[in-house]
PDB file of N, CA and C in Angstrom:
ATOM      1  N   UNK A   1      30.951 -71.390 125.799  1.00  0.00           N
ATOM      2  CA  UNK A   1      31.937 -71.590 126.831  1.00  0.00           C
ATOM      3  C   UNK A   1      31.694 -72.892 127.578  1.00  0.00           C
ATOM      4  N   UNK A   2      30.449 -73.123 128.044  1.00  0.00           N
ATOM      5  CA  UNK A   2      30.099 -74.353 128.743  1.00  0.00           C
ATOM      6  C   UNK A   2      29.163 -75.203 127.904  1.00  0.00           C
ATOM      7  N   UNK A   3      29.115 -74.962 126.618  1.00  0.00           N
ATOM      8  CA  UNK A   3      28.144 -75.612 125.760  1.00  0.00           C
ATOM      9  C   UNK A   3      28.550 -76.993 125.297  1.00  0.00           C
ATOM     10  N   UNK A   4      27.583 -77.640 124.690  1.00  0.00           N
ATOM     11  CA  UNK A   4      27.781 -78.921 124.034  1.00  0.00           C
ATOM     12  C   UNK A   4      27.640 -78.649 122.542  1.00  0.00           C
ATOM     13  N   UNK A   5      28.605 -79.070 121.734  1.00  0.00           N
ATOM     14  CA  UNK A   5      28.514 -78.793 120.298  1.00  0.00           C
ATOM     15  C   UNK A   5      27.169 -79.221 119.719  1.00  0.00           C
ATOM     16  N   UNK A   6      26.558 -78.309 118.965  1.00  0.00           N
ATOM     17  CA  UNK A   6      25.285 -78.598 118.330  1.00  0.00           C
ATOM     18  C   UNK A   6      24.068 -78.375 119.206  1.00  0.00           C
ATOM     19  N   UNK A   7      24.270 -77.977 120.470  1.00  0.00           N
ATOM     20  CA  UNK A   7      23.142 -77.748 121.390  1.00  0.00           C
ATOM     21  C   UNK A   7      23.219 -76.326 121.922  1.00  0.00           C
ATOM     22  N   UNK A   8      22.099 -75.605 121.847  1.00  0.00           N
ATOM     23  CA  UNK A   8      22.074 -74.245 122.371  1.00  0.00           C
ATOM     24  C   UNK A   8      22.106 -74.265 123.895  1.00  0.00           C
ATOM     25  N   UNK A   9      22.739 -73.250 124.476  1.00  0.00           N
ATOM     26  CA  UNK A   9      22.865 -73.159 125.931  1.00  0.00           C
ATOM     27  C   UNK A   9      21.500 -73.008 126.594  1.00  0.00           C
ATOM     28  N   UNK A  10      20.637 -72.188 125.999  1.00  0.00           N
ATOM     29  CA  UNK A  10      19.268 -72.025 126.485  1.00  0.00           C
ATOM     30  C   UNK A  10      18.334 -72.135 125.284  1.00  0.00           C
ATOM     31  N   UNK A  11      17.086 -72.449 125.555  1.00  0.00           N
ATOM     32  CA  UNK A  11      16.073 -72.465 124.504  1.00  0.00           C
ATOM     33  C   UNK A  11      14.980 -71.483 124.877  1.00  0.00           C
ATOM     34  N   UNK A  12      14.227 -71.059 123.878  1.00  0.00           N
ATOM     35  CA  UNK A  12      13.110 -70.142 124.094  1.00  0.00           C
ATOM     36  C   UNK A  12      11.853 -70.763 123.507  1.00  0.00           C
ATOM     37  N   UNK A  13      10.756 -70.634 124.229  1.00  0.00           N
ATOM     38  CA  UNK A  13       9.490 -71.048 123.653  1.00  0.00           C
ATOM     39  C   UNK A  13       9.120 -70.025 122.572  1.00  0.00           C
ATOM     40  N   UNK A  14       8.210 -70.363 121.672  1.00  0.00           N
ATOM     41  CA  UNK A  14       7.790 -69.382 120.669  1.00  0.00           C
ATOM     42  C   UNK A  14       7.266 -68.084 121.285  1.00  0.00           C
ATOM     43  N   UNK A  15       6.546 -68.181 122.417  1.00  0.00           N
ATOM     44  CA  UNK A  15       6.044 -66.962 123.072  1.00  0.00           C
ATOM     45  C   UNK A  15       7.188 -66.092 123.586  1.00  0.00           C
ATOM     46  N   UNK A  16       8.205 -66.724 124.189  1.00  0.00           N
ATOM     47  CA  UNK A  16       9.350 -65.965 124.702  1.00  0.00           C
ATOM     48  C   UNK A  16      10.119 -65.329 123.559  1.00  0.00           C
ATOM     49  N   UNK A  17      10.377 -66.090 122.501  1.00  0.00           N
ATOM     50  CA  UNK A  17      11.110 -65.551 121.358  1.00  0.00           C
ATOM     51  C   UNK A  17      10.347 -64.376 120.744  1.00  0.00           C
ATOM     52  N   UNK A  18       9.040 -64.516 120.627  1.00  0.00           N
ATOM     53  CA  UNK A  18       8.218 -63.437 120.077  1.00  0.00           C
ATOM     54  C   UNK A  18       8.267 -62.182 120.932  1.00  0.00           C
ATOM     55  N   UNK A  19       8.193 -62.351 122.245  1.00  0.00           N
ATOM     56  CA  UNK A  19       8.227 -61.197 123.146  1.00  0.00           C
ATOM     57  C   UNK A  19       9.595 -60.523 123.130  1.00  0.00           C
ATOM     58  N   UNK A  20      10.661 -61.315 123.126  1.00  0.00           N
ATOM     59  CA  UNK A  20      12.010 -60.742 123.091  1.00  0.00           C
ATOM     60  C   UNK A  20      12.231 -60.000 121.779  1.00  0.00           C
ATOM     61  N   UNK A  21      11.820 -60.588 120.653  1.00  0.00           N
ATOM     62  CA  UNK A  21      11.959 -59.929 119.347  1.00  0.00           C
ATOM     63  C   UNK A  21      11.169 -58.626 119.324  1.00  0.00           C
ATOM     64  N   UNK A  22       9.980 -58.639 119.889  1.00  0.00           N
ATOM     65  CA  UNK A  22       9.136 -57.435 119.951  1.00  0.00           C
ATOM     66  C   UNK A  22       9.817 -56.342 120.775  1.00  0.00           C
ATOM     67  N   UNK A  23      10.385 -56.716 121.920  1.00  0.00           N
ATOM     68  CA  UNK A  23      11.087 -55.746 122.763  1.00  0.00           C
ATOM     69  C   UNK A  23      12.325 -55.198 122.051  1.00  0.00           C
ATOM     70  N   UNK A  24      13.048 -56.057 121.353  1.00  0.00           N
ATOM     71  CA  UNK A  24      14.235 -55.617 120.618  1.00  0.00           C
ATOM     72  C   UNK A  24      13.860 -54.599 119.544  1.00  0.00           C
ATOM     73  N   UNK A  25      12.793 -54.879 118.807  1.00  0.00           N
ATOM     74  CA  UNK A  25      12.382 -54.001 117.716  1.00  0.00           C
ATOM     75  C   UNK A  25      11.851 -52.670 118.220  1.00  0.00           C
ATOM     76  N   UNK A  26      11.038 -52.710 119.276  1.00  0.00           N
ATOM     77  CA  UNK A  26      10.421 -51.478 119.756  1.00  0.00           C
ATOM     78  C   UNK A  26      11.429 -50.520 120.377  1.00  0.00           C
ATOM     79  N   UNK A  27      12.479 -51.055 120.965  1.00  0.00           N
ATOM     80  CA  UNK A  27      13.451 -50.198 121.635  1.00  0.00           C
ATOM     81  C   UNK A  27      14.767 -50.080 120.869  1.00  0.00           C
ATOM     82  N   UNK A  28      14.917 -50.828 119.772  1.00  0.00           N
ATOM     83  CA  UNK A  28      16.127 -50.742 118.979  1.00  0.00           C
ATOM     84  C   UNK A  28      17.354 -51.337 119.642  1.00  0.00           C
ATOM     85  N   UNK A  29      17.170 -52.353 120.483  1.00  0.00           N
ATOM     86  CA  UNK A  29      18.296 -52.989 121.172  1.00  0.00           C
ATOM     87  C   UNK A  29      18.810 -54.182 120.376  1.00  0.00           C
ATOM     88  N   UNK A  30      20.081 -54.527 120.638  1.00  0.00           N
ATOM     89  CA  UNK A  30      20.704 -55.664 119.955  1.00  0.00           C
ATOM     90  C   UNK A  30      20.231 -56.987 120.535  1.00  0.00           C
ATOM     91  N   UNK A  31      19.727 -56.970 121.751  1.00  0.00           N
ATOM     92  CA  UNK A  31      19.259 -58.204 122.378  1.00  0.00           C
ATOM     93  C   UNK A  31      19.047 -58.026 123.861  1.00  0.00           C
ATOM     94  N   UNK A  32      18.902 -59.153 124.519  1.00  0.00           N
ATOM     95  CA  UNK A  32      18.637 -59.200 125.951  1.00  0.00           C
ATOM     96  C   UNK A  32      19.713 -60.060 126.598  1.00  0.00           C
ATOM     97  N   UNK A  33      20.435 -59.497 127.574  1.00  0.00           N
ATOM     98  CA  UNK A  33      21.468 -60.271 128.283  1.00  0.00           C
ATOM     99  C   UNK A  33      20.852 -60.823 129.563  1.00  0.00           C
ATOM    100  N   UNK A  34      21.001 -62.132 129.750  1.00  0.00           N
ATOM    101  CA  UNK A  34      20.504 -62.758 130.969  1.00  0.00           C
ATOM    102  C   UNK A  34      21.684 -63.233 131.803  1.00  0.00           C
ATOM    103  N   UNK A  35      21.482 -63.225 133.105  1.00  0.00           N
ATOM    104  CA  UNK A  35      22.526 -63.652 134.024  1.00  0.00           C
ATOM    105  C   UNK A  35      21.938 -64.001 135.370  1.00  0.00           C
ATOM    106  N   UNK A  36      22.802 -64.171 136.349  1.00  0.00           N
ATOM    107  CA  UNK A  36      22.387 -64.419 137.728  1.00  0.00           C
ATOM    108  C   UNK A  36      23.233 -63.547 138.644  1.00  0.00           C
ATOM    109  N   UNK A  37      22.667 -63.208 139.799  1.00  0.00           N
ATOM    110  CA  UNK A  37      23.410 -62.460 140.812  1.00  0.00           C
ATOM    111  C   UNK A  37      22.964 -62.919 142.188  1.00  0.00           C
ATOM    112  N   UNK A  38      23.780 -62.608 143.184  1.00  0.00           N
ATOM    113  CA  UNK A  38      23.406 -62.925 144.559  1.00  0.00           C
ATOM    114  C   UNK A  38      22.239 -62.049 144.964  1.00  0.00           C
ATOM    115  N   UNK A  39      21.294 -62.637 145.700  1.00  0.00           N
ATOM    116  CA  UNK A  39      20.162 -61.860 146.183  1.00  0.00           C
ATOM    117  C   UNK A  39      18.939 -62.719 146.391  1.00  0.00           C
ATOM    118  N   UNK A  40      17.919 -62.129 146.970  1.00  0.00           N
ATOM    119  CA  UNK A  40      16.664 -62.826 147.208  1.00  0.00           C
ATOM    120  C   UNK A  40      16.748 -63.789 148.376  1.00  0.00           C
ATOM    121  N   UNK A  41      15.611 -64.300 148.773  1.00  0.00           N
ATOM    122  CA  UNK A  41      15.553 -65.153 149.965  1.00  0.00           C
ATOM    123  C   UNK A  41      16.178 -66.528 149.749  1.00  0.00           C
ATOM    124  N   UNK A  42      16.279 -66.999 148.499  1.00  0.00           N
ATOM    125  CA  UNK A  42      16.898 -68.301 148.241  1.00  0.00           C
ATOM    126  C   UNK A  42      18.385 -68.170 147.895  1.00  0.00           C
ATOM    127  N   UNK A  43      18.875 -66.943 147.718  1.00  0.00           N
ATOM    128  CA  UNK A  43      20.302 -66.731 147.513  1.00  0.00           C
ATOM    129  C   UNK A  43      20.727 -66.194 146.163  1.00  0.00           C
ATOM    130  N   UNK A  44      19.944 -66.447 145.105  1.00  0.00           N
ATOM    131  CA  UNK A  44      20.315 -66.000 143.762  1.00  0.00           C
ATOM    132  C   UNK A  44      19.082 -65.479 143.031  1.00  0.00           C
ATOM    133  N   UNK A  45      19.304 -64.571 142.095  1.00  0.00           N
ATOM    134  CA  UNK A  45      18.227 -64.023 141.279  1.00  0.00           C
ATOM    135  C   UNK A  45      18.673 -63.968 139.822  1.00  0.00           C
ATOM    136  N   UNK A  46      17.718 -64.094 138.921  1.00  0.00           N
ATOM    137  CA  UNK A  46      18.005 -63.916 137.507  1.00  0.00           C
ATOM    138  C   UNK A  46      18.095 -62.421 137.218  1.00  0.00           C
ATOM    139  N   UNK A  47      18.912 -62.052 136.230  1.00  0.00           N
ATOM    140  CA  UNK A  47      18.974 -60.677 135.757  1.00  0.00           C
ATOM    141  C   UNK A  47      18.660 -60.659 134.270  1.00  0.00           C
ATOM    142  N   UNK A  48      18.053 -59.577 133.825  1.00  0.00           N
ATOM    143  CA  UNK A  48      17.752 -59.378 132.407  1.00  0.00           C
ATOM    144  C   UNK A  48      17.990 -57.906 132.098  1.00  0.00           C
ATOM    145  N   UNK A  49      18.816 -57.643 131.089  1.00  0.00           N
ATOM    146  CA  UNK A  49      19.139 -56.267 130.719  1.00  0.00           C
ATOM    147  C   UNK A  49      19.167 -56.141 129.203  1.00  0.00           C
ATOM    148  N   UNK A  50      18.691 -55.001 128.695  1.00  0.00           N
ATOM    149  CA  UNK A  50      18.841 -54.702 127.276  1.00  0.00           C
ATOM    150  C   UNK A  50      20.311 -54.429 127.003  1.00  0.00           C
ATOM    151  N   UNK A  51      20.773 -54.798 125.820  1.00  0.00           N
ATOM    152  CA  UNK A  51      22.150 -54.501 125.433  1.00  0.00           C
ATOM    153  C   UNK A  51      22.173 -53.900 124.033  1.00  0.00           C
ATOM    154  N   UNK A  52      23.157 -53.055 123.812  1.00  0.00           N
ATOM    155  CA  UNK A  52      23.324 -52.411 122.517  1.00  0.00           C
ATOM    156  C   UNK A  52      24.253 -53.207 121.612  1.00  0.00           C
ATOM    157  N   UNK A  53      25.153 -54.011 122.222  1.00  0.00           N
ATOM    158  CA  UNK A  53      26.105 -54.804 121.437  1.00  0.00           C
ATOM    159  C   UNK A  53      26.469 -56.054 122.230  1.00  0.00           C
ATOM    160  N   UNK A  54      26.860 -57.093 121.522  1.00  0.00           N
ATOM    161  CA  UNK A  54      27.265 -58.317 122.203  1.00  0.00           C
ATOM    162  C   UNK A  54      28.683 -58.179 122.727  1.00  0.00           C
ATOM    163  N   UNK A  55      28.936 -58.827 123.835  1.00  0.00           N
ATOM    164  CA  UNK A  55      30.276 -58.920 124.398  1.00  0.00           C
ATOM    165  C   UNK A  55      30.918 -60.156 123.769  1.00  0.00           C
ATOM    166  N   UNK A  56      32.194 -60.118 123.424  1.00  0.00           N
ATOM    167  CA  UNK A  56      32.817 -61.288 122.793  1.00  0.00           C
ATOM    168  C   UNK A  56      32.769 -62.548 123.663  1.00  0.00           C
ATOM    169  N   UNK A  57      32.616 -62.388 124.971  1.00  0.00           N
ATOM    170  CA  UNK A  57      32.568 -63.538 125.875  1.00  0.00           C
ATOM    171  C   UNK A  57      31.154 -64.050 126.129  1.00  0.00           C
ATOM    172  N   UNK A  58      30.145 -63.337 125.646  1.00  0.00           N
ATOM    173  CA  UNK A  58      28.762 -63.779 125.808  1.00  0.00           C
ATOM    174  C   UNK A  58      28.489 -65.012 124.953  1.00  0.00           C
ATOM    175  N   UNK A  59      27.656 -65.880 125.460  1.00  0.00           N
ATOM    176  CA  UNK A  59      27.087 -66.970 124.662  1.00  0.00           C
ATOM    177  C   UNK A  59      25.841 -66.374 124.009  1.00  0.00           C
ATOM    178  N   UNK A  60      25.761 -66.394 122.696  1.00  0.00           N
ATOM    179  CA  UNK A  60      24.644 -65.780 121.980  1.00  0.00           C
ATOM    180  C   UNK A  60      23.720 -66.870 121.451  1.00  0.00           C
ATOM    181  N   UNK A  61      22.420 -66.719 121.757  1.00  0.00           N
ATOM    182  CA  UNK A  61      21.405 -67.649 121.275  1.00  0.00           C
ATOM    183  C   UNK A  61      20.403 -66.835 120.466  1.00  0.00           C
ATOM    184  N   UNK A  62      20.198 -67.230 119.220  1.00  0.00           N
ATOM    185  CA  UNK A  62      19.249 -66.544 118.351  1.00  0.00           C
ATOM    186  C   UNK A  62      18.174 -67.519 117.896  1.00  0.00           C
ATOM    187  N   UNK A  63      16.943 -67.035 117.944  1.00  0.00           N
ATOM    188  CA  UNK A  63      15.811 -67.882 117.554  1.00  0.00           C
ATOM    189  C   UNK A  63      14.655 -66.995 117.126  1.00  0.00           C
ATOM    190  N   UNK A  64      14.147 -67.202 115.937  1.00  0.00           N
ATOM    191  CA  UNK A  64      12.947 -66.508 115.439  1.00  0.00           C
ATOM    192  C   UNK A  64      13.004 -64.997 115.623  1.00  0.00           C
ATOM    193  N   UNK A  65      14.151 -64.394 115.340  1.00  0.00           N
ATOM    194  CA  UNK A  65      14.283 -62.943 115.447  1.00  0.00           C
ATOM    195  C   UNK A  65      14.641 -62.442 116.835  1.00  0.00           C
ATOM    196  N   UNK A  66      14.727 -63.335 117.812  1.00  0.00           N
ATOM    197  CA  UNK A  66      15.103 -62.954 119.177  1.00  0.00           C
ATOM    198  C   UNK A  66      16.568 -63.283 119.403  1.00  0.00           C
ATOM    199  N   UNK A  67      17.246 -62.421 120.161  1.00  0.00           N
ATOM    200  CA  UNK A  67      18.654 -62.656 120.481  1.00  0.00           C
ATOM    201  C   UNK A  67      18.848 -62.507 121.990  1.00  0.00           C
ATOM    202  N   UNK A  68      19.374 -63.570 122.591  1.00  0.00           N
ATOM    203  CA  UNK A  68      19.665 -63.583 124.023  1.00  0.00           C
ATOM    204  C   UNK A  68      21.160 -63.792 124.193  1.00  0.00           C
ATOM    205  N   UNK A  69      21.763 -62.977 125.034  1.00  0.00           N
ATOM    206  CA  UNK A  69      23.168 -63.131 125.359  1.00  0.00           C
ATOM    207  C   UNK A  69      23.263 -63.609 126.801  1.00  0.00           C
ATOM    208  N   UNK A  70      24.124 -64.576 127.035  1.00  0.00           N
ATOM    209  CA  UNK A  70      24.302 -65.098 128.390  1.00  0.00           C
ATOM    210  C   UNK A  70      25.640 -64.592 128.905  1.00  0.00           C
ATOM    211  N   UNK A  71      25.594 -63.863 130.002  1.00  0.00           N
ATOM    212  CA  UNK A  71      26.797 -63.323 130.611  1.00  0.00           C
ATOM    213  C   UNK A  71      27.754 -64.466 130.953  1.00  0.00           C
ATOM    214  N   UNK A  72      29.060 -64.269 130.765  1.00  0.00           N
ATOM    215  CA  UNK A  72      30.022 -65.355 130.978  1.00  0.00           C
ATOM    216  C   UNK A  72      29.905 -66.054 132.330  1.00  0.00           C
ATOM    217  N   UNK A  73      29.761 -65.294 133.405  1.00  0.00           N
ATOM    218  CA  UNK A  73      29.715 -65.889 134.734  1.00  0.00           C
ATOM    219  C   UNK A  73      28.445 -66.710 134.954  1.00  0.00           C
ATOM    220  N   UNK A  74      27.416 -66.472 134.154  1.00  0.00           N
ATOM    221  CA  UNK A  74      26.135 -67.153 134.344  1.00  0.00           C
ATOM    222  C   UNK A  74      25.968 -68.383 133.466  1.00  0.00           C
ATOM    223  N   UNK A  75      26.868 -68.617 132.532  1.00  0.00           N
ATOM    224  CA  UNK A  75      26.670 -69.682 131.552  1.00  0.00           C
ATOM    225  C   UNK A  75      26.493 -71.050 132.196  1.00  0.00           C
ATOM    226  N   UNK A  76      27.299 -71.380 133.191  1.00  0.00           N
ATOM    227  CA  UNK A  76      27.175 -72.714 133.800  1.00  0.00           C
ATOM    228  C   UNK A  76      25.879 -72.855 134.601  1.00  0.00           C
ATOM    229  N   UNK A  77      25.331 -71.740 135.095  1.00  0.00           N
ATOM    230  CA  UNK A  77      24.083 -71.786 135.859  1.00  0.00           C
ATOM    231  C   UNK A  77      22.864 -71.912 134.951  1.00  0.00           C
ATOM    232  N   UNK A  78      22.965 -71.400 133.735  1.00  0.00           N
ATOM    233  CA  UNK A  78      21.808 -71.326 132.849  1.00  0.00           C
ATOM    234  C   UNK A  78      21.781 -72.410 131.773  1.00  0.00           C
ATOM    235  N   UNK A  79      22.826 -73.204 131.656  1.00  0.00           N
ATOM    236  CA  UNK A  79      22.868 -74.220 130.621  1.00  0.00           C
ATOM    237  C   UNK A  79      21.680 -75.175 130.774  1.00  0.00           C
ATOM    238  N   UNK A  80      20.933 -75.368 129.700  1.00  0.00           N
ATOM    239  CA  UNK A  80      19.776 -76.254 129.710  1.00  0.00           C
ATOM    240  C   UNK A  80      18.463 -75.572 130.068  1.00  0.00           C
ATOM    241  N   UNK A  81      18.495 -74.271 130.315  1.00  0.00           N
ATOM    242  CA  UNK A  81      17.300 -73.525 130.727  1.00  0.00           C
ATOM    243  C   UNK A  81      16.383 -73.255 129.537  1.00  0.00           C
ATOM    244  N   UNK A  82      15.083 -73.370 129.790  1.00  0.00           N
ATOM    245  CA  UNK A  82      14.081 -72.957 128.807  1.00  0.00           C
ATOM    246  C   UNK A  82      13.475 -71.647 129.292  1.00  0.00           C
ATOM    247  N   UNK A  83      13.448 -70.654 128.411  1.00  0.00           N
ATOM    248  CA  UNK A  83      12.841 -69.362 128.727  1.00  0.00           C
ATOM    249  C   UNK A  83      11.456 -69.345 128.108  1.00  0.00           C
ATOM    250  N   UNK A  84      10.463 -69.006 128.917  1.00  0.00           N
ATOM    251  CA  UNK A  84       9.084 -68.918 128.446  1.00  0.00           C
ATOM    252  C   UNK A  84       8.554 -67.532 128.781  1.00  0.00           C
ATOM    253  N   UNK A  85       7.463 -67.156 128.153  1.00  0.00           N
ATOM    254  CA  UNK A  85       6.760 -65.913 128.481  1.00  0.00           C
ATOM    255  C   UNK A  85       5.324 -66.289 128.774  1.00  0.00           C
ATOM    256  N   UNK A  86       4.883 -66.010 129.996  1.00  0.00           N
ATOM    257  CA  UNK A  86       3.545 -66.404 130.426  1.00  0.00           C
ATOM    258  C   UNK A  86       2.711 -65.181 130.775  1.00  0.00           C
ATOM    259  N   UNK A  87       1.438 -65.271 130.443  1.00  0.00           N
ATOM    260  CA  UNK A  87       0.481 -64.230 130.798  1.00  0.00           C
ATOM    261  C   UNK A  87      -0.642 -64.882 131.587  1.00  0.00           C
ATOM    262  N   UNK A  88      -0.885 -64.362 132.788  1.00  0.00           N
ATOM    263  CA  UNK A  88      -1.974 -64.854 133.626  1.00  0.00           C
ATOM    264  C   UNK A  88      -2.917 -63.690 133.926  1.00  0.00           C
ATOM    265  N   UNK A  89      -3.913 -63.966 134.690  1.00  0.00           N
ATOM    266  CA  UNK A  89      -4.874 -62.931 135.064  1.00  0.00           C
ATOM    267  C   UNK A  89      -4.206 -61.797 135.833  1.00  0.00           C
ATOM    268  N   UNK A  90      -3.206 -62.108 136.643  1.00  0.00           N
ATOM    269  CA  UNK A  90      -2.583 -61.115 137.499  1.00  0.00           C
ATOM    270  C   UNK A  90      -1.245 -60.574 137.019  1.00  0.00           C
ATOM    271  N   UNK A  91      -0.548 -61.320 136.160  1.00  0.00           N
ATOM    272  CA  UNK A  91       0.782 -60.867 135.762  1.00  0.00           C
ATOM    273  C   UNK A  91       1.195 -61.466 134.430  1.00  0.00           C
ATOM    274  N   UNK A  92       2.222 -60.868 133.858  1.00  0.00           N
ATOM    275  CA  UNK A  92       2.850 -61.450 132.678  1.00  0.00           C
ATOM    276  C   UNK A  92       4.348 -61.224 132.812  1.00  0.00           C
ATOM    277  N   UNK A  93       5.109 -62.171 132.296  1.00  0.00           N
ATOM    278  CA  UNK A  93       6.551 -62.033 132.385  1.00  0.00           C
ATOM    279  C   UNK A  93       7.275 -63.289 131.955  1.00  0.00           C
ATOM    280  N   UNK A  94       8.592 -63.177 131.941  1.00  0.00           N
ATOM    281  CA  UNK A  94       9.437 -64.296 131.556  1.00  0.00           C
ATOM    282  C   UNK A  94       9.561 -65.286 132.708  1.00  0.00           C
ATOM    283  N   UNK A  95       9.547 -66.558 132.357  1.00  0.00           N
ATOM    284  CA  UNK A  95       9.720 -67.644 133.324  1.00  0.00           C
ATOM    285  C   UNK A  95      10.897 -68.485 132.870  1.00  0.00           C
ATOM    286  N   UNK A  96      11.724 -68.866 133.824  1.00  0.00           N
ATOM    287  CA  UNK A  96      12.892 -69.690 133.537  1.00  0.00           C
ATOM    288  C   UNK A  96      12.652 -71.088 134.073  1.00  0.00           C
ATOM    289  N   UNK A  97      12.723 -72.074 133.192  1.00  0.00           N
ATOM    290  CA  UNK A  97      12.660 -73.481 133.618  1.00  0.00           C
ATOM    291  C   UNK A  97      14.091 -74.004 133.556  1.00  0.00           C
ATOM    292  N   UNK A  98      14.726 -74.029 134.722  1.00  0.00           N
ATOM    293  CA  UNK A  98      16.155 -74.283 134.804  1.00  0.00           C
ATOM    294  C   UNK A  98      16.410 -75.598 135.536  1.00  0.00           C
ATOM    295  N   UNK A  99      16.993 -76.596 134.858  1.00  0.00           N
ATOM    296  CA  UNK A  99      17.244 -77.893 135.498  1.00  0.00           C
ATOM    297  C   UNK A  99      18.332 -77.838 136.566  1.00  0.00           C
ATOM    298  N   UNK A 100      19.074 -76.744 136.650  1.00  0.00           N
ATOM    299  CA  UNK A 100      20.149 -76.612 137.632  1.00  0.00           C
ATOM    300  C   UNK A 100      19.676 -76.079 138.979  1.00  0.00           C
ATOM    301  N   UNK A 101      18.425 -75.613 139.046  1.00  0.00           N
ATOM    302  CA  UNK A 101      17.882 -75.049 140.282  1.00  0.00           C
ATOM    303  C   UNK A 101      17.484 -76.180 141.230  1.00  0.00           C
ATOM    304  N   UNK A 102      17.936 -76.073 142.482  1.00  0.00           N
ATOM    305  CA  UNK A 102      17.581 -77.080 143.485  1.00  0.00           C
ATOM    306  C   UNK A 102      16.469 -76.603 144.407  1.00  0.00           C
ATOM    307  N   UNK A 103      16.318 -75.289 144.569  1.00  0.00           N
ATOM    308  CA  UNK A 103      15.260 -74.714 145.406  1.00  0.00           C
ATOM    309  C   UNK A 103      14.844 -73.370 144.831  1.00  0.00           C
ATOM    310  N   UNK A 104      13.602 -72.985 145.113  1.00  0.00           N
ATOM    311  CA  UNK A 104      13.117 -71.656 144.746  1.00  0.00           C
ATOM    312  C   UNK A 104      12.242 -71.144 145.874  1.00  0.00           C
ATOM    313  N   UNK A 105      12.215 -69.834 146.049  1.00  0.00           N
ATOM    314  CA  UNK A 105      11.370 -69.276 147.102  1.00  0.00           C
ATOM    315  C   UNK A 105       9.910 -69.329 146.649  1.00  0.00           C
ATOM    316  N   UNK A 106       9.022 -69.063 147.548  1.00  0.00           N
ATOM    317  CA  UNK A 106       7.597 -69.152 147.267  1.00  0.00           C
ATOM    318  C   UNK A 106       7.115 -68.214 146.173  1.00  0.00           C
ATOM    319  N   UNK A 107       7.722 -67.044 146.084  1.00  0.00           N
ATOM    320  CA  UNK A 107       7.283 -66.082 145.066  1.00  0.00           C
ATOM    321  C   UNK A 107       7.849 -66.396 143.692  1.00  0.00           C
ATOM    322  N   UNK A 108       8.854 -67.286 143.619  1.00  0.00           N
ATOM    323  CA  UNK A 108       9.436 -67.674 142.348  1.00  0.00           C
ATOM    324  C   UNK A 108      10.468 -66.708 141.802  1.00  0.00           C
ATOM    325  N   UNK A 109      10.806 -65.675 142.547  1.00  0.00           N
ATOM    326  CA  UNK A 109      11.767 -64.680 142.081  1.00  0.00           C
ATOM    327  C   UNK A 109      13.197 -65.007 142.465  1.00  0.00           C
ATOM    328  N   UNK A 110      13.388 -65.888 143.414  1.00  0.00           N
ATOM    329  CA  UNK A 110      14.714 -66.193 143.931  1.00  0.00           C
ATOM    330  C   UNK A 110      14.953 -67.696 143.835  1.00  0.00           C
ATOM    331  N   UNK A 111      16.197 -68.080 143.556  1.00  0.00           N
ATOM    332  CA  UNK A 111      16.522 -69.475 143.305  1.00  0.00           C
ATOM    333  C   UNK A 111      17.787 -69.887 144.036  1.00  0.00           C
ATOM    334  N   UNK A 112      17.981 -71.188 144.120  1.00  0.00           N
ATOM    335  CA  UNK A 112      19.201 -71.732 144.706  1.00  0.00           C
ATOM    336  C   UNK A 112      19.688 -72.844 143.798  1.00  0.00           C
ATOM    337  N   UNK A 113      21.003 -72.888 143.614  1.00  0.00           N
ATOM    338  CA  UNK A 113      21.632 -73.903 142.785  1.00  0.00           C
ATOM    339  C   UNK A 113      22.328 -74.915 143.671  1.00  0.00           C
ATOM    340  N   UNK A 114      22.753 -76.015 143.081  1.00  0.00           N
ATOM    341  CA  UNK A 114      23.567 -77.000 143.781  1.00  0.00           C
ATOM    342  C   UNK A 114      24.751 -76.291 144.420  1.00  0.00           C
ATOM    343  N   UNK A 115      25.150 -76.735 145.601  1.00  0.00           N
ATOM    344  CA  UNK A 115      26.223 -76.077 146.348  1.00  0.00           C
ATOM    345  C   UNK A 115      27.499 -75.906 145.534  1.00  0.00           C
ATOM    346  N   UNK A 116      27.853 -76.870 144.701  1.00  0.00           N
ATOM    347  CA  UNK A 116      29.087 -76.750 143.916  1.00  0.00           C
ATOM    348  C   UNK A 116      29.008 -75.577 142.940  1.00  0.00           C
ATOM    349  N   UNK A 117      27.838 -75.310 142.368  1.00  0.00           N
ATOM    350  CA  UNK A 117      27.678 -74.163 141.486  1.00  0.00           C
ATOM    351  C   UNK A 117      27.701 -72.871 142.284  1.00  0.00           C
ATOM    352  N   UNK A 118      27.037 -72.862 143.467  1.00  0.00           N
ATOM    353  CA  UNK A 118      27.026 -71.658 144.300  1.00  0.00           C
ATOM    354  C   UNK A 118      28.432 -71.264 144.720  1.00  0.00           C
ATOM    355  N   UNK A 119      29.267 -72.243 145.073  1.00  0.00           N
ATOM    356  CA  UNK A 119      30.622 -71.948 145.505  1.00  0.00           C
ATOM    357  C   UNK A 119      31.441 -71.326 144.396  1.00  0.00           C
ATOM    358  N   UNK A 120      31.199 -71.717 143.155  1.00  0.00           N
ATOM    359  CA  UNK A 120      31.970 -71.154 142.047  1.00  0.00           C
ATOM    360  C   UNK A 120      31.628 -69.682 141.817  1.00  0.00           C
ATOM    361  N   UNK A 121      30.439 -69.237 142.261  1.00  0.00           N
ATOM    362  CA  UNK A 121      30.054 -67.830 142.140  1.00  0.00           C
ATOM    363  C   UNK A 121      30.350 -67.069 143.422  1.00  0.00           C
ATOM    364  N   UNK A 122      30.692 -67.785 144.486  1.00  0.00           N
ATOM    365  CA  UNK A 122      30.988 -67.131 145.743  1.00  0.00           C
ATOM    366  C   UNK A 122      29.779 -67.007 146.651  1.00  0.00           C
ATOM    367  N   UNK A 123      28.652 -67.649 146.311  1.00  0.00           N
ATOM    368  CA  UNK A 123      27.447 -67.623 147.143  1.00  0.00           C
ATOM    369  C   UNK A 123      27.505 -68.763 148.141  1.00  0.00           C
ATOM    370  N   UNK A 124      26.896 -68.591 149.261  1.00  0.00           N
ATOM    371  CA  UNK A 124      26.834 -69.638 150.287  1.00  0.00           C
ATOM    372  C   UNK A 124      25.410 -69.850 150.711  1.00  0.00           C
TER     373      UNK A 124
END
């Protein structure tokens, strides 16, 4: 929808692709849908949900056995994002490296986009 021909909307590191493929296989899901919603101290939060089938309006990215669907309303916010999976001494989880983010809260769970993108979603 908001893509550039020949370029995927998001990319996954090998660790992220491996973890997503593992989750898909263990639970029998068709993939992982990512999006954004209003919330958190910076105004927006990422969402991740298992899905049983793709929506015709989803942007689908497949890599190394992993399938990620991008919800239509989130495509312009996530274009150019790299998804990684990191494991540290205290936690493990997916990390989003998103060039569209202008601010993030201290905990890293909440983000803010350029005002023009926020207005298109209805966030202020």
